[in-house]
Protein backbone atom coordinates (compact mmCIF):
# COMPACT_ATOMS: atom_id res chain seq x y z
CA ALA A 1 -53.61 -182.19 38.43
CA VAL A 2 -56.84 -181.90 40.48
CA ALA A 3 -59.01 -180.74 36.85
CA VAL A 4 -57.80 -184.76 35.59
CA ALA A 5 -58.41 -185.73 38.77
CA LEU A 6 -62.12 -184.58 38.65
CA THR A 7 -62.57 -185.98 34.59
CA ILE A 8 -61.63 -189.24 35.42
CA SER A 9 -63.81 -189.48 38.61
CA LEU A 10 -66.81 -188.36 36.65
CA TRP A 11 -65.72 -190.71 33.30
CA ASP A 12 -65.32 -193.44 35.91
CA HIS A 13 -68.75 -192.85 37.24
CA ALA A 14 -70.52 -192.21 33.62
CA LEU A 15 -68.98 -196.10 32.80
CA THR A 16 -70.19 -197.34 35.71
CA ILE A 17 -73.66 -195.78 35.92
CA GLY A 18 -75.44 -198.73 34.73
CA ASP A 19 -74.02 -200.89 36.94
CA GLU A 20 -74.87 -198.44 40.04
CA ILE A 21 -78.82 -198.29 38.80
CA GLU A 22 -78.99 -201.47 38.13
CA LEU A 23 -77.53 -203.19 41.67
CA VAL A 24 -78.25 -199.67 43.94
CA TRP A 25 -80.91 -198.09 42.75
CA ARG A 26 -83.31 -200.81 41.65
CA GLN A 27 -82.79 -202.68 44.81
CA PRO A 28 -83.79 -202.99 48.52
CA TRP A 29 -81.99 -200.26 50.20
CA THR A 30 -79.67 -200.98 53.12
CA PHE A 31 -77.13 -199.19 55.27
CA LEU A 32 -74.09 -200.29 53.37
CA GLN A 33 -75.78 -199.03 50.23
CA LEU A 34 -76.21 -195.56 51.31
CA LEU A 35 -73.18 -195.37 53.05
CA VAL A 36 -71.12 -196.06 49.40
CA MET A 37 -73.76 -193.67 47.64
CA ILE A 38 -72.77 -190.46 50.10
CA ASN A 39 -69.45 -191.57 49.71
CA ARG A 40 -69.85 -191.47 45.76
CA TYR A 41 -71.56 -188.54 45.23
CA CYS A 42 -69.90 -186.58 47.96
CA GLY A 43 -66.76 -187.30 46.64
CA GLU A 44 -67.17 -186.14 43.73
CA ALA A 45 -69.14 -182.67 44.81
CA SER A 46 -65.71 -182.54 47.01
CA LEU A 47 -63.80 -182.64 43.63
CA ILE A 48 -65.45 -180.52 42.22
CA PHE A 49 -65.58 -177.84 44.89
CA ILE A 50 -62.07 -177.99 45.37
CA ALA A 51 -61.33 -177.78 41.44
CA TYR A 52 -63.27 -174.36 41.85
CA THR A 53 -61.49 -173.35 44.49
CA PHE A 54 -57.75 -174.00 43.19
CA LEU A 55 -58.83 -171.89 40.53
CA ARG A 56 -59.55 -168.60 42.98
CA THR A 57 -56.17 -170.06 44.86
CA HIS A 58 -53.50 -167.32 44.11
CA ILE A 59 -51.90 -166.32 47.64
CA THR A 60 -49.98 -168.72 49.96
CA THR A 61 -52.90 -168.28 52.67
CA ARG A 62 -55.33 -169.87 50.52
CA CYS A 63 -52.91 -172.30 49.30
CA ARG A 64 -52.71 -173.57 53.37
CA ALA A 65 -56.34 -173.43 54.05
CA PHE A 66 -57.05 -175.53 50.93
CA GLY A 67 -54.19 -178.01 52.04
CA ILE A 68 -56.08 -178.63 55.19
CA LEU A 69 -59.37 -178.94 52.87
CA VAL A 70 -57.84 -181.31 51.17
CA GLY A 71 -56.53 -183.46 53.93
CA ALA A 72 -60.07 -183.37 55.92
CA TYR A 73 -61.24 -184.68 52.46
CA CYS A 74 -58.80 -187.54 52.24
CA ILE A 75 -59.14 -188.65 55.59
CA ILE A 76 -63.16 -188.86 55.39
CA ASN A 77 -63.08 -190.71 52.30
CA SER A 78 -60.42 -193.00 53.60
CA ALA A 79 -62.54 -193.91 56.24
CA SER A 80 -65.77 -194.07 54.59
CA SER A 81 -64.34 -196.34 51.71
CA GLN A 82 -62.64 -198.70 54.66
CA PHE A 83 -65.78 -198.98 56.96
CA ALA A 84 -67.88 -199.48 53.74
CA LEU A 85 -65.25 -202.71 52.88
CA LEU A 86 -65.70 -204.24 56.58
CA LEU A 87 -69.20 -203.74 55.99
CA ARG A 88 -69.17 -205.55 52.67
CA ILE A 89 -66.99 -208.01 53.94
CA TYR A 90 -69.18 -208.77 57.44
CA GLY A 91 -71.97 -209.23 55.54
CA LEU A 92 -70.59 -212.30 53.05
CA TRP A 93 -70.00 -214.01 56.11
CA ASP A 94 -73.70 -214.12 57.63
CA GLY A 95 -72.64 -211.62 60.58
CA ARG A 96 -70.64 -214.02 62.49
CA LYS A 97 -69.40 -212.00 65.23
CA VAL A 98 -66.01 -213.47 65.66
CA VAL A 99 -65.40 -211.94 62.17
CA LYS A 100 -67.10 -208.50 63.04
CA TYR A 101 -64.69 -208.14 66.12
CA ALA A 102 -61.76 -209.01 63.83
CA LEU A 103 -62.95 -206.48 61.17
CA VAL A 104 -63.41 -203.81 63.84
CA ILE A 105 -60.25 -204.52 65.49
CA GLY A 106 -58.38 -204.63 62.01
CA PHE A 107 -60.29 -200.99 60.95
CA VAL A 108 -59.34 -199.15 64.27
CA ILE A 109 -55.94 -200.12 64.17
CA CYS A 110 -55.06 -199.83 60.73
CA PHE A 111 -57.30 -196.40 60.17
CA GLY A 112 -55.37 -195.17 63.50
CA ILE A 113 -52.04 -195.69 61.48
CA THR A 114 -53.48 -193.86 58.79
CA LEU A 115 -54.68 -190.57 60.64
CA THR A 116 -51.72 -190.60 62.64
CA PHE A 117 -49.52 -190.56 59.65
CA ALA A 118 -52.11 -188.54 57.57
CA VAL A 119 -52.03 -185.29 60.61
CA ALA A 120 -48.04 -185.57 60.35
CA THR A 121 -48.15 -185.13 56.56
CA LEU A 122 -50.26 -182.35 56.77
CA GLY A 123 -48.50 -180.76 59.34
CA GLN A 124 -45.19 -181.05 57.11
CA THR A 125 -47.43 -179.80 53.99
CA LEU A 126 -48.53 -176.88 55.46
CA ASP A 127 -44.89 -175.36 56.97
CA SER A 128 -43.86 -175.31 53.28
CA LEU A 129 -47.07 -174.80 51.55
CA ARG A 130 -46.70 -171.58 48.94
CA TYR A 131 -48.20 -170.49 45.87
CA LEU A 132 -45.82 -169.48 42.91
CA GLN A 133 -47.28 -167.59 40.31
CA ILE A 134 -44.70 -168.14 37.80
CA ILE A 135 -46.65 -171.63 37.75
CA ASN A 136 -49.90 -170.28 38.94
CA SER A 137 -50.17 -173.16 41.67
CA CYS A 138 -49.41 -174.38 44.76
CA THR A 139 -46.58 -176.30 45.77
CA THR A 140 -44.70 -177.63 48.73
CA SER A 141 -40.46 -178.24 48.96
CA ALA A 142 -41.20 -180.61 51.91
CA LYS A 143 -40.47 -184.59 51.55
CA LEU A 144 -43.32 -186.11 52.68
CA LYS A 145 -41.79 -189.26 53.73
CA SER A 146 -44.53 -189.88 56.45
CA ILE A 147 -47.05 -190.17 53.52
CA VAL A 148 -45.85 -193.52 52.66
CA GLY A 149 -47.80 -194.36 56.44
CA VAL A 150 -50.92 -192.74 55.10
CA TRP A 151 -51.10 -195.08 51.96
CA GLY A 152 -49.74 -197.77 54.26
CA GLY A 153 -52.58 -198.05 56.65
CA MET A 154 -55.24 -198.32 54.09
CA VAL A 155 -52.95 -201.18 52.40
CA LEU A 156 -52.57 -203.17 55.72
CA TYR A 157 -56.35 -203.14 56.20
CA ASP A 158 -56.68 -204.26 52.47
CA VAL A 159 -54.42 -207.22 53.25
CA TYR A 160 -55.91 -207.90 56.76
CA VAL A 161 -58.99 -208.44 54.88
CA PHE A 162 -57.72 -209.80 52.07
CA LEU A 163 -56.09 -212.64 54.45
CA LEU A 164 -59.41 -212.87 56.43
CA ILE A 165 -60.96 -213.51 52.92
CA LEU A 166 -58.47 -216.64 51.97
CA THR A 167 -58.75 -217.94 55.23
CA ASN A 168 -62.56 -218.33 54.85
CA GLU A 169 -62.24 -219.77 51.26
CA PHE A 170 -59.62 -221.92 52.34
CA THR A 171 -61.16 -223.58 55.61
CA ARG A 172 -64.86 -224.20 53.47
CA PRO A 173 -65.13 -227.64 51.90
CA HIS A 174 -64.45 -227.61 47.98
CA ARG A 175 -64.87 -230.12 45.52
CA ARG A 176 -61.85 -229.02 43.54
CA ASN A 177 -59.39 -226.43 43.65
CA ILE A 178 -60.92 -224.06 40.84
CA ASP A 179 -64.22 -223.59 43.51
CA ILE A 180 -61.65 -221.54 45.61
CA ILE A 181 -60.65 -219.70 42.80
CA LYS A 182 -63.63 -218.83 41.94
CA ALA A 183 -64.99 -217.83 45.50
CA LEU A 184 -62.03 -215.44 45.20
CA SER A 185 -63.00 -213.84 42.43
CA ARG A 186 -66.62 -213.78 43.85
CA ASP A 187 -65.49 -211.83 46.74
CA GLY A 188 -63.53 -209.40 45.43
CA ALA A 189 -60.17 -210.66 45.36
CA LEU A 190 -58.78 -209.20 41.98
CA THR A 191 -60.46 -205.66 43.11
CA PHE A 192 -58.23 -206.12 46.26
CA LEU A 193 -54.62 -206.71 44.37
CA VAL A 194 -55.47 -204.13 41.55
CA ARG A 195 -56.37 -201.39 44.03
CA ASP A 196 -53.80 -202.07 46.37
CA ILE A 197 -50.91 -202.08 43.08
CA HIS A 198 -52.53 -198.71 42.82
CA ILE A 199 -51.91 -197.09 45.97
CA LEU A 200 -48.44 -198.73 46.36
CA TYR A 201 -47.46 -197.03 42.91
CA CYS A 202 -49.18 -193.72 43.97
CA HIS A 203 -47.69 -193.21 47.56
CA LYS A 204 -44.84 -192.14 45.61
CA CYS A 205 -46.50 -188.94 44.34
CA ASN A 206 -46.93 -185.58 46.17
CA PRO A 207 -50.21 -185.03 46.29
CA PHE A 208 -50.25 -181.52 47.64
CA GLU A 209 -48.39 -180.65 43.92
CA TRP A 210 -51.31 -178.53 42.00
C-alpha cells in the first residue's frame, strides 16, 4: 500500500508539473507558494523514506516506531495543507480582518479536533501493532473508531470554508445566477467537493495496515 501511495503521488506530480512550473516557479514568490511547495516536495520525500523504511521493518518494535513516524507525518501534512487553504481563501477576500479571524478560529478548532483524535488513534494502534511474518507486513487488530474524528476535523474545516465562500458569493452583486456558479468554480468549489467525497470514502480504511 505504501508503494501504491508513493507511485500515485509521483504520477500526480508528473501530470501537474507543467501547471506547477507555470503557476509557481515562473511567478513572483509568496509565502503561500513556498508553503505549498514545501508541503508537496517534503510530502513526497517523506513517502519515499516511509516506503524505504517499510521494506526494512521486520520486527514489532520497528513497526511501532514506524507507526509513530507515519502518524507524525499525517498530522504535519494535514496542518500544512489546511493552513495553506487558510492563506489562499484569505487572499481571495482581499485580506479582510473579519475573514482572517473567522478562518483562524475555524482552523484552530477543527485542527484541534483532528489532532486530539489523531493522538487517540495512534495510541490505540501502537498497543496492537504487530509484525506478521506470514504476510511480511505490519498490521493491527484494533478497530480504530476514533479515526473518524481525524478525518472529521479536516472535513469540518473544508465545509466551514466552503460555507464562507458561499456566503461571500451570495452577498456579492451578480447580474445573473450563472455568475455565482462561475465564481464558485473559480474559487475552487468543485475541488472542495471532490476532495471531501474522497476523504469520506477513505475514512473507512485502516491506514496502519501496510
